[in-house]
Amino acid sequence: MTEAKERARDRISRRQVDKFADRRAQLAVSALRTLAELGYARTSLREIAQNSEFSHGVLHYYFADKVDLLTHCVRQFEEVCVTRYDEIVARARTAAELERDFAAAMAATLRADAKMHRLWYDLRNQSLFEESFRADVLEIDRRREEMIHHVVARYAELAAASAAVPQAVAYALLDGLFQQALLRHLAGEEAAAAELERAVPAVLARVVAV
């Protein structure tokens, strides 16, 4: 009987943990809209509460502070982002096909998710000053680098080539190109996404050696 009670308590405990995690995820989705719109510096838990269906007290119950909420939000967003190009890599049969589809996907996410990408770069910049979420930012950045490496490695394989630069350099080149295009897109330059799409193949060609 004692063993059965222990198992029952364990099940209840796991359900409570899962429910807590689910609630945090739900709150993060809601908070992301405000964070993406206003940015880190201009957003407080109270501001998030005012722009969602959740009260300030509820947010404080599930998140210790704004840093806790923000890093949870970005990690949740990045869980989707770091697999964005996996399908493109998996279905590509030629280097030209991968080059074309990867460039198109980068341009598409620039157009569709500009504010969310802006939030990521905002967080990465803030981590230079905020030590409290620096480790999270470094982990997300590592996963983003791996994502780009996955694309570059497959591109090199299809082109019967090898990487011409270290993994970190390839990431810096493509990430820098994307960030520049994002800034121009947010500034209202209508051609920014199209120009990014045209520039990506040239960068890919330079990070591999035939």
N, C-alpha and C. Protein backbone atom coordinates (compact mmCIF):
# COMPACT_ATOMS: atom_id res chain seq x y z
N MET A 1 0.83 -1.21 0.00
CA MET A 1 0.00 0.00 0.00
C MET A 1 0.86 1.26 0.00
N THR A 2 1.93 1.23 0.81
CA THR A 2 2.83 2.38 0.87
C THR A 2 3.47 2.64 -0.49
N GLU A 3 3.89 1.55 -1.14
CA GLU A 3 4.51 1.68 -2.47
C GLU A 3 3.52 2.26 -3.48
N ALA A 4 2.27 1.83 -3.39
CA ALA A 4 1.23 2.35 -4.29
C ALA A 4 1.00 3.83 -4.04
N LYS A 5 1.00 4.22 -2.78
CA LYS A 5 0.82 5.63 -2.44
C LYS A 5 1.98 6.48 -2.97
N GLU A 6 3.19 5.90 -2.87
CA GLU A 6 4.37 6.61 -3.37
C GLU A 6 4.26 6.84 -4.87
N ARG A 7 3.81 5.80 -5.58
CA ARG A 7 3.66 5.94 -7.03
C ARG A 7 2.60 6.98 -7.37
N ALA A 8 1.52 6.98 -6.61
CA ALA A 8 0.45 7.97 -6.83
C ALA A 8 0.95 9.38 -6.59
N ARG A 9 1.74 9.54 -5.52
CA ARG A 9 2.30 10.87 -5.22
C ARG A 9 3.25 11.33 -6.34
N ASP A 10 4.03 10.36 -6.85
CA ASP A 10 4.96 10.68 -7.94
C ASP A 10 4.20 11.14 -9.18
N ARG A 11 3.10 10.44 -9.48
CA ARG A 11 2.31 10.82 -10.66
C ARG A 11 1.71 12.20 -10.49
N ILE A 12 1.21 12.49 -9.31
CA ILE A 12 0.63 13.82 -9.03
C ILE A 12 1.71 14.88 -9.15
N SER A 13 2.89 14.58 -8.59
CA SER A 13 4.00 15.53 -8.65
C SER A 13 4.41 15.81 -10.09
N ARG A 14 4.49 14.75 -10.90
CA ARG A 14 4.87 14.93 -12.31
C ARG A 14 3.82 15.75 -13.05
N ARG A 15 2.54 15.49 -12.76
CA ARG A 15 1.48 16.25 -13.40
C ARG A 15 1.56 17.73 -13.04
N GLN A 16 1.88 18.00 -11.78
CA GLN A 16 2.01 19.38 -11.33
C GLN A 16 3.17 20.09 -12.02
N VAL A 17 4.28 19.37 -12.15
CA VAL A 17 5.44 19.93 -12.85
C VAL A 17 5.11 20.21 -14.31
N ASP A 18 4.46 19.23 -14.95
CA ASP A 18 4.08 19.39 -16.36
C ASP A 18 3.11 20.55 -16.54
N LYS A 19 2.16 20.67 -15.61
CA LYS A 19 1.18 21.75 -15.68
C LYS A 19 1.86 23.10 -15.52
N PHE A 20 2.82 23.17 -14.61
CA PHE A 20 3.56 24.41 -14.39
C PHE A 20 4.35 24.79 -15.65
N ALA A 21 5.02 23.80 -16.25
CA ALA A 21 5.80 24.04 -17.46
C ALA A 21 4.90 24.46 -18.62
N ASP A 22 3.75 23.83 -18.74
CA ASP A 22 2.80 24.18 -19.80
C ASP A 22 2.30 25.62 -19.64
N ARG A 23 2.05 25.99 -18.39
CA ARG A 23 1.57 27.34 -18.13
C ARG A 23 2.64 28.37 -18.46
N ARG A 24 3.88 28.07 -18.12
CA ARG A 24 4.99 28.98 -18.45
C ARG A 24 5.10 29.14 -19.97
N ALA A 25 4.95 28.03 -20.68
CA ALA A 25 5.02 28.09 -22.15
C ALA A 25 3.90 28.94 -22.71
N GLN A 26 2.70 28.78 -22.16
CA GLN A 26 1.55 29.57 -22.61
C GLN A 26 1.77 31.06 -22.35
N LEU A 27 2.28 31.39 -21.17
CA LEU A 27 2.55 32.78 -20.83
C LEU A 27 3.65 33.36 -21.73
N ALA A 28 4.64 32.54 -22.05
CA ALA A 28 5.75 33.00 -22.89
C ALA A 28 5.27 33.36 -24.29
N VAL A 29 4.37 32.55 -24.84
CA VAL A 29 3.83 32.85 -26.16
C VAL A 29 3.14 34.21 -26.16
N SER A 30 2.36 34.46 -25.11
CA SER A 30 1.67 35.74 -25.00
C SER A 30 2.66 36.89 -24.81
N ALA A 31 3.65 36.68 -23.97
CA ALA A 31 4.63 37.73 -23.68
C ALA A 31 5.49 38.08 -24.89
N LEU A 32 5.75 37.09 -25.73
CA LEU A 32 6.61 37.32 -26.89
C LEU A 32 6.10 38.44 -27.77
N ARG A 33 4.80 38.56 -27.89
CA ARG A 33 4.23 39.60 -28.76
C ARG A 33 4.63 40.99 -28.27
N THR A 34 4.52 41.20 -26.97
CA THR A 34 4.87 42.50 -26.40
C THR A 34 6.37 42.73 -26.45
N LEU A 35 7.15 41.71 -26.09
CA LEU A 35 8.61 41.84 -26.12
C LEU A 35 9.12 42.13 -27.52
N ALA A 36 8.56 41.44 -28.50
CA ALA A 36 8.99 41.65 -29.88
C ALA A 36 8.63 43.05 -30.37
N GLU A 37 7.54 43.58 -29.87
CA GLU A 37 7.08 44.90 -30.30
C GLU A 37 7.89 46.02 -29.63
N LEU A 38 8.15 45.89 -28.34
CA LEU A 38 8.76 46.97 -27.58
C LEU A 38 10.26 46.80 -27.31
N GLY A 39 10.74 45.56 -27.31
CA GLY A 39 12.15 45.32 -27.01
C GLY A 39 12.39 45.16 -25.52
N TYR A 40 13.59 44.73 -25.18
CA TYR A 40 13.93 44.41 -23.80
C TYR A 40 13.84 45.62 -22.87
N ALA A 41 14.49 46.70 -23.24
CA ALA A 41 14.62 47.85 -22.35
C ALA A 41 13.28 48.49 -22.02
N ARG A 42 12.35 48.47 -22.95
CA ARG A 42 11.08 49.18 -22.75
C ARG A 42 9.96 48.29 -22.24
N THR A 43 10.27 47.03 -21.92
CA THR A 43 9.23 46.10 -21.52
C THR A 43 9.42 45.66 -20.07
N SER A 44 8.37 45.74 -19.29
CA SER A 44 8.35 45.26 -17.91
C SER A 44 7.28 44.18 -17.80
N LEU A 45 7.29 43.45 -16.69
CA LEU A 45 6.24 42.45 -16.47
C LEU A 45 4.87 43.12 -16.45
N ARG A 46 4.80 44.31 -15.88
CA ARG A 46 3.52 45.02 -15.83
C ARG A 46 3.05 45.37 -17.25
N GLU A 47 3.99 45.80 -18.10
CA GLU A 47 3.66 46.13 -19.49
C GLU A 47 3.15 44.89 -20.22
N ILE A 48 3.80 43.77 -19.99
CA ILE A 48 3.38 42.52 -20.63
C ILE A 48 1.97 42.15 -20.16
N ALA A 49 1.73 42.30 -18.86
CA ALA A 49 0.41 41.98 -18.32
C ALA A 49 -0.67 42.86 -18.93
N GLN A 50 -0.36 44.13 -19.13
CA GLN A 50 -1.33 45.07 -19.70
C GLN A 50 -1.67 44.74 -21.15
N ASN A 51 -0.75 44.04 -21.82
CA ASN A 51 -0.95 43.70 -23.23
C ASN A 51 -1.31 42.23 -23.43
N SER A 52 -1.74 41.57 -22.37
CA SER A 52 -2.15 40.17 -22.48
C SER A 52 -3.36 39.94 -21.60
N GLU A 53 -3.84 38.72 -21.63
CA GLU A 53 -5.01 38.37 -20.82
C GLU A 53 -4.62 37.94 -19.42
N PHE A 54 -3.32 38.00 -19.08
CA PHE A 54 -2.84 37.54 -17.79
C PHE A 54 -2.52 38.72 -16.87
N SER A 55 -2.73 38.52 -15.60
CA SER A 55 -2.47 39.60 -14.63
C SER A 55 -0.99 39.68 -14.28
N HIS A 56 -0.62 40.81 -13.72
CA HIS A 56 0.76 41.01 -13.27
C HIS A 56 1.13 39.96 -12.23
N GLY A 57 0.18 39.64 -11.33
CA GLY A 57 0.43 38.66 -10.29
C GLY A 57 0.68 37.27 -10.85
N VAL A 58 -0.04 36.90 -11.89
CA VAL A 58 0.15 35.59 -12.52
C VAL A 58 1.55 35.49 -13.12
N LEU A 59 1.98 36.53 -13.81
CA LEU A 59 3.32 36.53 -14.39
C LEU A 59 4.39 36.39 -13.32
N HIS A 60 4.20 37.10 -12.21
CA HIS A 60 5.17 37.03 -11.12
C HIS A 60 5.20 35.64 -10.47
N TYR A 61 4.07 34.95 -10.49
CA TYR A 61 4.01 33.62 -9.90
C TYR A 61 4.84 32.63 -10.73
N TYR A 62 4.76 32.75 -12.04
CA TYR A 62 5.42 31.78 -12.92
C TYR A 62 6.84 32.19 -13.32
N PHE A 63 7.17 33.46 -13.19
CA PHE A 63 8.51 33.92 -13.57
C PHE A 63 9.07 34.82 -12.47
N ALA A 64 10.32 34.59 -12.13
CA ALA A 64 10.94 35.35 -11.03
C ALA A 64 11.04 36.83 -11.35
N ASP A 65 11.37 37.14 -12.61
CA ASP A 65 11.53 38.53 -13.02
C ASP A 65 11.51 38.60 -14.54
N LYS A 66 11.76 39.79 -15.07
CA LYS A 66 11.72 39.97 -16.52
C LYS A 66 12.80 39.13 -17.22
N VAL A 67 13.96 39.02 -16.62
CA VAL A 67 15.04 38.24 -17.23
C VAL A 67 14.63 36.78 -17.38
N ASP A 68 14.02 36.24 -16.34
CA ASP A 68 13.54 34.85 -16.36
C ASP A 68 12.52 34.67 -17.49
N LEU A 69 11.59 35.58 -17.59
CA LEU A 69 10.57 35.50 -18.64
C LEU A 69 11.18 35.65 -20.02
N LEU A 70 12.05 36.63 -20.18
CA LEU A 70 12.63 36.90 -21.50
C LEU A 70 13.45 35.73 -22.01
N THR A 71 14.29 35.19 -21.16
CA THR A 71 15.12 34.06 -21.62
C THR A 71 14.26 32.84 -21.92
N HIS A 72 13.21 32.63 -21.15
CA HIS A 72 12.29 31.52 -21.44
C HIS A 72 11.61 31.73 -22.79
N CYS A 73 11.18 32.96 -23.05
CA CYS A 73 10.54 33.28 -24.32
C CYS A 73 11.45 33.01 -25.50
N VAL A 74 12.67 33.49 -25.40
CA VAL A 74 13.60 33.36 -26.52
C VAL A 74 14.01 31.91 -26.73
N ARG A 75 14.22 31.18 -25.63
CA ARG A 75 14.54 29.75 -25.78
C ARG A 75 13.40 29.01 -26.47
N GLN A 76 12.19 29.37 -26.12
CA GLN A 76 11.03 28.73 -26.72
C GLN A 76 10.95 29.05 -28.21
N PHE A 77 11.19 30.29 -28.57
CA PHE A 77 11.19 30.70 -29.97
C PHE A 77 12.32 30.00 -30.73
N GLU A 78 13.48 29.93 -30.10
CA GLU A 78 14.63 29.34 -30.77
C GLU A 78 14.48 27.84 -30.98
N GLU A 79 13.68 27.16 -30.15
CA GLU A 79 13.44 25.73 -30.35
C GLU A 79 12.88 25.48 -31.76
N VAL A 80 12.10 26.43 -32.23
CA VAL A 80 11.55 26.34 -33.58
C VAL A 80 12.59 26.80 -34.59
N CYS A 81 13.27 27.90 -34.27
CA CYS A 81 14.21 28.52 -35.22
C CYS A 81 15.36 27.60 -35.60
N VAL A 82 15.90 26.89 -34.62
CA VAL A 82 17.12 26.12 -34.89
C VAL A 82 16.85 24.89 -35.75
N THR A 83 15.60 24.60 -36.03
CA THR A 83 15.29 23.51 -36.96
C THR A 83 14.67 24.03 -38.26
N ARG A 84 14.73 25.35 -38.45
CA ARG A 84 14.04 25.98 -39.58
C ARG A 84 14.49 25.44 -40.93
N TYR A 85 15.77 25.13 -41.07
CA TYR A 85 16.31 24.74 -42.38
C TYR A 85 16.51 23.23 -42.52
N ASP A 86 16.11 22.47 -41.50
CA ASP A 86 16.36 21.02 -41.54
C ASP A 86 15.69 20.34 -42.73
N GLU A 87 14.45 20.71 -43.00
CA GLU A 87 13.73 20.08 -44.11
C GLU A 87 14.38 20.42 -45.44
N ILE A 88 14.84 21.65 -45.58
CA ILE A 88 15.51 22.08 -46.82
C ILE A 88 16.78 21.26 -47.03
N VAL A 89 17.55 21.10 -45.96
CA VAL A 89 18.78 20.31 -46.06
C VAL A 89 18.47 18.86 -46.41
N ALA A 90 17.44 18.31 -45.78
CA ALA A 90 17.11 16.89 -45.98
C ALA A 90 16.64 16.60 -47.41
N ARG A 91 15.91 17.53 -48.03
CA ARG A 91 15.35 17.22 -49.35
C ARG A 91 16.26 17.64 -50.50
N ALA A 92 17.28 18.44 -50.23
CA ALA A 92 18.16 18.93 -51.31
C ALA A 92 18.93 17.77 -51.95
N ARG A 93 18.93 17.77 -53.26
CA ARG A 93 19.65 16.73 -54.00
C ARG A 93 20.84 17.29 -54.78
N THR A 94 20.90 18.59 -54.92
CA THR A 94 22.03 19.23 -55.59
C THR A 94 22.42 20.47 -54.80
N ALA A 95 23.65 20.91 -55.00
CA ALA A 95 24.12 22.13 -54.32
C ALA A 95 23.30 23.34 -54.77
N ALA A 96 22.95 23.38 -56.03
CA ALA A 96 22.18 24.51 -56.55
C ALA A 96 20.80 24.58 -55.91
N GLU A 97 20.19 23.40 -55.71
CA GLU A 97 18.87 23.35 -55.08
C GLU A 97 18.94 23.82 -53.63
N LEU A 98 19.94 23.37 -52.91
CA LEU A 98 20.08 23.78 -51.51
C LEU A 98 20.36 25.28 -51.43
N GLU A 99 21.23 25.75 -52.28
CA GLU A 99 21.57 27.18 -52.33
C GLU A 99 20.32 28.03 -52.56
N ARG A 100 19.51 27.63 -53.53
CA ARG A 100 18.30 28.37 -53.87
C ARG A 100 17.28 28.36 -52.74
N ASP A 101 17.03 27.17 -52.19
CA ASP A 101 15.98 27.05 -51.17
C ASP A 101 16.40 27.67 -49.84
N PHE A 102 17.67 27.56 -49.49
CA PHE A 102 18.16 28.17 -48.26
C PHE A 102 18.08 29.69 -48.35
N ALA A 103 18.49 30.24 -49.47
CA ALA A 103 18.42 31.69 -49.66
C ALA A 103 16.97 32.18 -49.59
N ALA A 104 16.06 31.43 -50.22
CA ALA A 104 14.65 31.80 -50.20
C ALA A 104 14.08 31.72 -48.79
N ALA A 105 14.48 30.72 -48.02
CA ALA A 105 13.99 30.56 -46.66
C ALA A 105 14.49 31.68 -45.75
N MET A 106 15.74 32.09 -45.93
CA MET A 106 16.26 33.21 -45.14
C MET A 106 15.49 34.49 -45.43
N ALA A 107 15.21 34.72 -46.69
CA ALA A 107 14.45 35.92 -47.07
C ALA A 107 13.02 35.84 -46.53
N ALA A 108 12.43 34.65 -46.56
CA ALA A 108 11.05 34.48 -46.10
C ALA A 108 10.93 34.74 -44.61
N THR A 109 11.88 34.22 -43.81
CA THR A 109 11.78 34.44 -42.37
C THR A 109 12.10 35.89 -42.01
N LEU A 110 12.91 36.54 -42.83
CA LEU A 110 13.15 37.97 -42.61
C LEU A 110 11.84 38.75 -42.76
N ARG A 111 11.09 38.43 -43.78
CA ARG A 111 9.81 39.12 -44.02
C ARG A 111 8.77 38.77 -42.95
N ALA A 112 8.68 37.49 -42.61
CA ALA A 112 7.59 37.03 -41.74
C ALA A 112 7.86 37.23 -40.25
N ASP A 113 9.11 37.13 -39.84
CA ASP A 113 9.43 37.11 -38.41
C ASP A 113 10.40 38.21 -38.01
N ALA A 114 10.35 39.34 -38.68
CA ALA A 114 11.33 40.41 -38.44
C ALA A 114 11.38 40.84 -36.98
N LYS A 115 10.23 41.02 -36.37
CA LYS A 115 10.20 41.50 -34.98
C LYS A 115 10.76 40.46 -34.02
N MET A 116 10.54 39.19 -34.31
CA MET A 116 11.09 38.15 -33.45
C MET A 116 12.60 38.07 -33.58
N HIS A 117 13.10 38.23 -34.79
CA HIS A 117 14.55 38.25 -34.98
C HIS A 117 15.15 39.47 -34.31
N ARG A 118 14.46 40.58 -34.37
CA ARG A 118 14.92 41.80 -33.71
C ARG A 118 15.06 41.56 -32.21
N LEU A 119 14.11 40.84 -31.62
CA LEU A 119 14.16 40.53 -30.20
C LEU A 119 15.40 39.70 -29.87
N TRP A 120 15.73 38.73 -30.73
CA TRP A 120 16.92 37.91 -30.49
C TRP A 120 18.17 38.77 -30.49
N TYR A 121 18.34 39.63 -31.47
CA TYR A 121 19.54 40.46 -31.52
C TYR A 121 19.57 41.45 -30.36
N ASP A 122 18.40 41.90 -29.93
CA ASP A 122 18.31 42.77 -28.76
C ASP A 122 18.82 42.03 -27.52
N LEU A 123 18.36 40.81 -27.35
CA LEU A 123 18.79 40.00 -26.21
C LEU A 123 20.29 39.73 -26.27
N ARG A 124 20.80 39.42 -27.44
CA ARG A 124 22.23 39.13 -27.56
C ARG A 124 23.07 40.36 -27.21
N ASN A 125 22.61 41.54 -27.64
CA ASN A 125 23.31 42.77 -27.28
C ASN A 125 23.23 43.04 -25.78
N GLN A 126 22.04 42.82 -25.20
CA GLN A 126 21.87 43.07 -23.78
C GLN A 126 22.73 42.14 -22.93
N SER A 127 23.02 40.96 -23.43
CA SER A 127 23.82 40.01 -22.67
C SER A 127 25.25 40.49 -22.46
N LEU A 128 25.68 41.46 -23.24
CA LEU A 128 27.00 42.05 -23.02
C LEU A 128 27.05 42.80 -21.69
N PHE A 129 25.89 43.23 -21.21
CA PHE A 129 25.79 43.97 -19.96
C PHE A 129 25.11 43.17 -18.85
N GLU A 130 24.16 42.29 -19.22
CA GLU A 130 23.38 41.51 -18.26
C GLU A 130 23.97 40.10 -18.12
N GLU A 131 24.76 39.90 -17.11
CA GLU A 131 25.40 38.60 -16.93
C GLU A 131 24.38 37.50 -16.63
N SER A 132 23.22 37.90 -16.09
CA SER A 132 22.23 36.92 -15.63
C SER A 132 21.70 36.03 -16.74
N PHE A 133 21.66 36.51 -17.98
CA PHE A 133 21.21 35.61 -19.05
C PHE A 133 22.25 35.41 -20.14
N ARG A 134 23.50 35.70 -19.81
CA ARG A 134 24.58 35.52 -20.79
C ARG A 134 24.76 34.05 -21.16
N ALA A 135 24.68 33.16 -20.19
CA ALA A 135 24.86 31.74 -20.48
C ALA A 135 23.78 31.23 -21.42
N ASP A 136 22.54 31.70 -21.24
CA ASP A 136 21.45 31.29 -22.13
C ASP A 136 21.69 31.77 -23.55
N VAL A 137 22.14 33.01 -23.67
CA VAL A 137 22.41 33.58 -24.99
C VAL A 137 23.54 32.81 -25.68
N LEU A 138 24.58 32.49 -24.95
CA LEU A 138 25.70 31.74 -25.54
C LEU A 138 25.23 30.36 -26.02
N GLU A 139 24.34 29.72 -25.26
CA GLU A 139 23.83 28.41 -25.66
C GLU A 139 22.97 28.53 -26.92
N ILE A 140 22.11 29.53 -26.97
CA ILE A 140 21.28 29.73 -28.16
C ILE A 140 22.17 30.04 -29.36
N ASP A 141 23.17 30.88 -29.16
CA ASP A 141 24.07 31.24 -30.26
C ASP A 141 24.82 30.01 -30.76
N ARG A 142 25.21 29.12 -29.85
CA ARG A 142 25.89 27.89 -30.24
C ARG A 142 24.97 27.03 -31.12
N ARG A 143 23.71 26.95 -30.73
CA ARG A 143 22.76 26.13 -31.50
C ARG A 143 22.48 26.76 -32.86
N ARG A 144 22.46 28.07 -32.93
CA ARG A 144 22.28 28.74 -34.22
C ARG A 144 23.49 28.49 -35.12
N GLU A 145 24.67 28.50 -34.53
CA GLU A 145 25.88 28.20 -35.29
C GLU A 145 25.84 26.78 -35.84
N GLU A 146 25.38 25.83 -35.02
CA GLU A 146 25.25 24.45 -35.46
C GLU A 146 24.24 24.34 -36.61
N MET A 147 23.17 25.11 -36.54
CA MET A 147 22.16 25.12 -37.59
C MET A 147 22.78 25.53 -38.93
N ILE A 148 23.56 26.60 -38.91
CA ILE A 148 24.21 27.07 -40.13
C ILE A 148 25.27 26.07 -40.60
N HIS A 149 25.99 25.49 -39.67
CA HIS A 149 27.00 24.50 -40.04
C HIS A 149 26.35 23.31 -40.75
N HIS A 150 25.19 22.92 -40.29
CA HIS A 150 24.45 21.81 -40.91
C HIS A 150 24.16 22.11 -42.38
N VAL A 151 23.77 23.34 -42.65
CA VAL A 151 23.50 23.77 -44.04
C VAL A 151 24.78 23.77 -44.86
N VAL A 152 25.82 24.40 -44.31
CA VAL A 152 27.08 24.54 -45.04
C VAL A 152 27.72 23.18 -45.31
N ALA A 153 27.68 22.30 -44.31
CA ALA A 153 28.28 20.98 -44.48
C ALA A 153 27.58 20.18 -45.58
N ARG A 154 26.26 20.27 -45.63
CA ARG A 154 25.51 19.56 -46.67
C ARG A 154 25.76 20.19 -48.04
N TYR A 155 25.86 21.51 -48.06
CA TYR A 155 26.14 22.21 -49.31
C TYR A 155 27.51 21.79 -49.86
N ALA A 156 28.50 21.73 -48.97
CA ALA A 156 29.84 21.30 -49.39
C ALA A 156 29.82 19.87 -49.91
N GLU A 157 29.09 19.02 -49.24
CA GLU A 157 28.98 17.61 -49.66
C GLU A 157 28.37 17.51 -51.04
N LEU A 158 27.29 18.23 -51.29
CA LEU A 158 26.62 18.18 -52.58
C LEU A 158 27.48 18.79 -53.69
N ALA A 159 28.31 19.75 -53.31
CA ALA A 159 29.18 20.40 -54.30
C ALA A 159 30.52 19.68 -54.46
N ALA A 160 30.66 18.54 -53.79
CA ALA A 160 31.92 17.79 -53.80
C ALA A 160 33.07 18.69 -53.39
N ALA A 161 32.84 19.41 -52.30
CA ALA A 161 33.80 20.39 -51.81
C ALA A 161 34.03 20.18 -50.33
N SER A 162 34.82 21.06 -49.74
CA SER A 162 35.05 21.03 -48.30
C SER A 162 34.92 22.44 -47.76
N ALA A 163 34.73 22.57 -46.47
CA ALA A 163 34.59 23.89 -45.86
C ALA A 163 35.87 24.68 -46.02
N ALA A 164 35.75 25.93 -46.44
CA ALA A 164 36.92 26.78 -46.65
C ALA A 164 37.22 27.65 -45.45
N VAL A 165 36.28 27.74 -44.52
CA VAL A 165 36.45 28.55 -43.31
C VAL A 165 35.95 27.76 -42.12
N PRO A 166 36.40 28.10 -40.92
CA PRO A 166 35.88 27.42 -39.72
C PRO A 166 34.38 27.62 -39.56
N GLN A 167 33.76 26.72 -38.84
CA GLN A 167 32.32 26.77 -38.61
C GLN A 167 31.87 28.12 -38.06
N ALA A 168 32.62 28.65 -37.10
CA ALA A 168 32.25 29.93 -36.48
C ALA A 168 32.30 31.08 -37.48
N VAL A 169 33.22 31.01 -38.42
CA VAL A 169 33.34 32.07 -39.42
C VAL A 169 32.17 32.03 -40.39
N ALA A 170 31.79 30.82 -40.82
CA ALA A 170 30.64 30.69 -41.71
C ALA A 170 29.39 31.24 -41.05
N TYR A 171 29.22 30.94 -39.78
CA TYR A 171 28.07 31.46 -39.04
C TYR A 171 28.11 32.98 -38.95
N ALA A 172 29.28 33.52 -38.64
CA ALA A 172 29.41 34.97 -38.51
C ALA A 172 29.08 35.68 -39.82
N LEU A 173 29.51 35.11 -40.93
CA LEU A 173 29.26 35.71 -42.24
C LEU A 173 27.77 35.73 -42.56
N LEU A 174 27.11 34.58 -42.40
CA LEU A 174 25.69 34.51 -42.75
C LEU A 174 24.81 35.23 -41.73
N ASP A 175 25.17 35.14 -40.47
CA ASP A 175 24.41 35.85 -39.44
C ASP A 175 24.56 37.36 -39.60
N GLY A 176 25.78 37.80 -39.89
CA GLY A 176 26.00 39.23 -40.11
C GLY A 176 25.24 39.75 -41.31
N LEU A 177 25.22 38.95 -42.38
CA LEU A 177 24.47 39.32 -43.57
C LEU A 177 22.98 39.45 -43.25
N PHE A 178 22.47 38.49 -42.47
CA PHE A 178 21.05 38.51 -42.10
C PHE A 178 20.74 39.71 -41.22
N GLN A 179 21.60 40.00 -40.26
CA GLN A 179 21.34 41.11 -39.35
C GLN A 179 21.34 42.45 -40.09
N GLN A 180 22.24 42.61 -41.04
CA GLN A 180 22.25 43.83 -41.85
C GLN A 180 20.96 43.97 -42.65
N ALA A 181 20.52 42.86 -43.24
CA ALA A 181 19.29 42.88 -44.01
C ALA A 181 18.09 43.18 -43.11
N LEU A 182 18.11 42.65 -41.90
CA LEU A 182 17.03 42.90 -40.94
C LEU A 182 16.93 44.38 -40.61
N LEU A 183 18.05 44.99 -40.35
CA LEU A 183 18.06 46.42 -40.04
C LEU A 183 17.48 47.23 -41.18
N ARG A 184 17.88 46.90 -42.40
CA ARG A 184 17.38 47.63 -43.56
C ARG A 184 15.89 47.37 -43.76
N HIS A 185 15.47 46.12 -43.52
CA HIS A 185 14.04 45.77 -43.65
C HIS A 185 13.21 46.56 -42.64
N LEU A 186 13.68 46.63 -41.40
CA LEU A 186 12.96 47.37 -40.36
C LEU A 186 12.96 48.87 -40.63
N ALA A 187 13.94 49.33 -41.39
CA ALA A 187 14.00 50.74 -41.75
C ALA A 187 13.09 51.07 -42.93
N GLY A 188 12.44 50.04 -43.47
CA GLY A 188 11.48 50.27 -44.54
C GLY A 188 11.99 50.05 -45.94
N GLU A 189 13.18 49.48 -46.07
CA GLU A 189 13.71 49.21 -47.41
C GLU A 189 13.04 47.97 -47.98
N GLU A 190 12.19 48.15 -48.95
CA GLU A 190 11.41 47.04 -49.50
C GLU A 190 12.26 45.98 -50.18
N ALA A 191 13.42 46.37 -50.66
CA ALA A 191 14.27 45.42 -51.39
C ALA A 191 15.18 44.61 -50.49
N ALA A 192 15.16 44.86 -49.19
CA ALA A 192 16.13 44.23 -48.28
C ALA A 192 16.07 42.70 -48.33
N ALA A 193 14.88 42.13 -48.28
CA ALA A 193 14.75 40.67 -48.28
C ALA A 193 15.20 40.06 -49.61
N ALA A 194 14.81 40.70 -50.70
CA ALA A 194 15.20 40.21 -52.03
C ALA A 194 16.71 40.28 -52.21
N GLU A 195 17.30 41.33 -51.72
CA GLU A 195 18.76 41.46 -51.83
C GLU A 195 19.48 40.45 -50.95
N LEU A 196 18.90 40.14 -49.79
CA LEU A 196 19.45 39.08 -48.95
C LEU A 196 19.41 37.75 -49.70
N GLU A 197 18.30 37.47 -50.34
CA GLU A 197 18.15 36.22 -51.07
C GLU A 197 19.19 36.11 -52.19
N ARG A 198 19.49 37.22 -52.83
CA ARG A 198 20.50 37.20 -53.90
C ARG A 198 21.92 37.08 -53.34
N ALA A 199 22.14 37.58 -52.12
CA ALA A 199 23.50 37.60 -51.56
C ALA A 199 23.90 36.26 -50.94
N VAL A 200 22.95 35.51 -50.44
CA VAL A 200 23.26 34.27 -49.72
C VAL A 200 24.05 33.27 -50.58
N PRO A 201 23.68 33.02 -51.83
CA PRO A 201 24.47 32.07 -52.64
C PRO A 201 25.94 32.47 -52.78
N ALA A 202 26.20 33.77 -52.88
CA ALA A 202 27.59 34.22 -53.01
C ALA A 202 28.39 33.92 -51.74
N VAL A 203 27.74 34.05 -50.59
CA VAL A 203 28.42 33.75 -49.33
C VAL A 203 28.66 32.24 -49.22
N LEU A 204 27.66 31.45 -49.57
CA LEU A 204 27.84 30.00 -49.54
C LEU A 204 29.00 29.57 -50.41
N ALA A 205 29.11 30.16 -51.58
CA ALA A 205 30.19 29.81 -52.51
C ALA A 205 31.56 30.12 -51.92
N ARG A 206 31.60 31.11 -51.04
CA ARG A 206 32.89 31.51 -50.46
C ARG A 206 33.28 30.73 -49.22
N VAL A 207 32.31 30.06 -48.60
CA VAL A 207 32.65 29.33 -47.39
C VAL A 207 32.99 27.86 -47.67
N VAL A 208 32.94 27.46 -48.94
CA VAL A 208 33.39 26.12 -49.32
C VAL A 208 34.49 26.22 -50.36
N ALA A 209 35.31 25.20 -50.42
CA ALA A 209 36.40 25.17 -51.39
C ALA A 209 36.25 23.92 -52.25
N VAL A 210 36.07 24.14 -53.55
CA VAL A 210 35.91 23.01 -54.47
C VAL A 210 37.25 22.33 -54.71
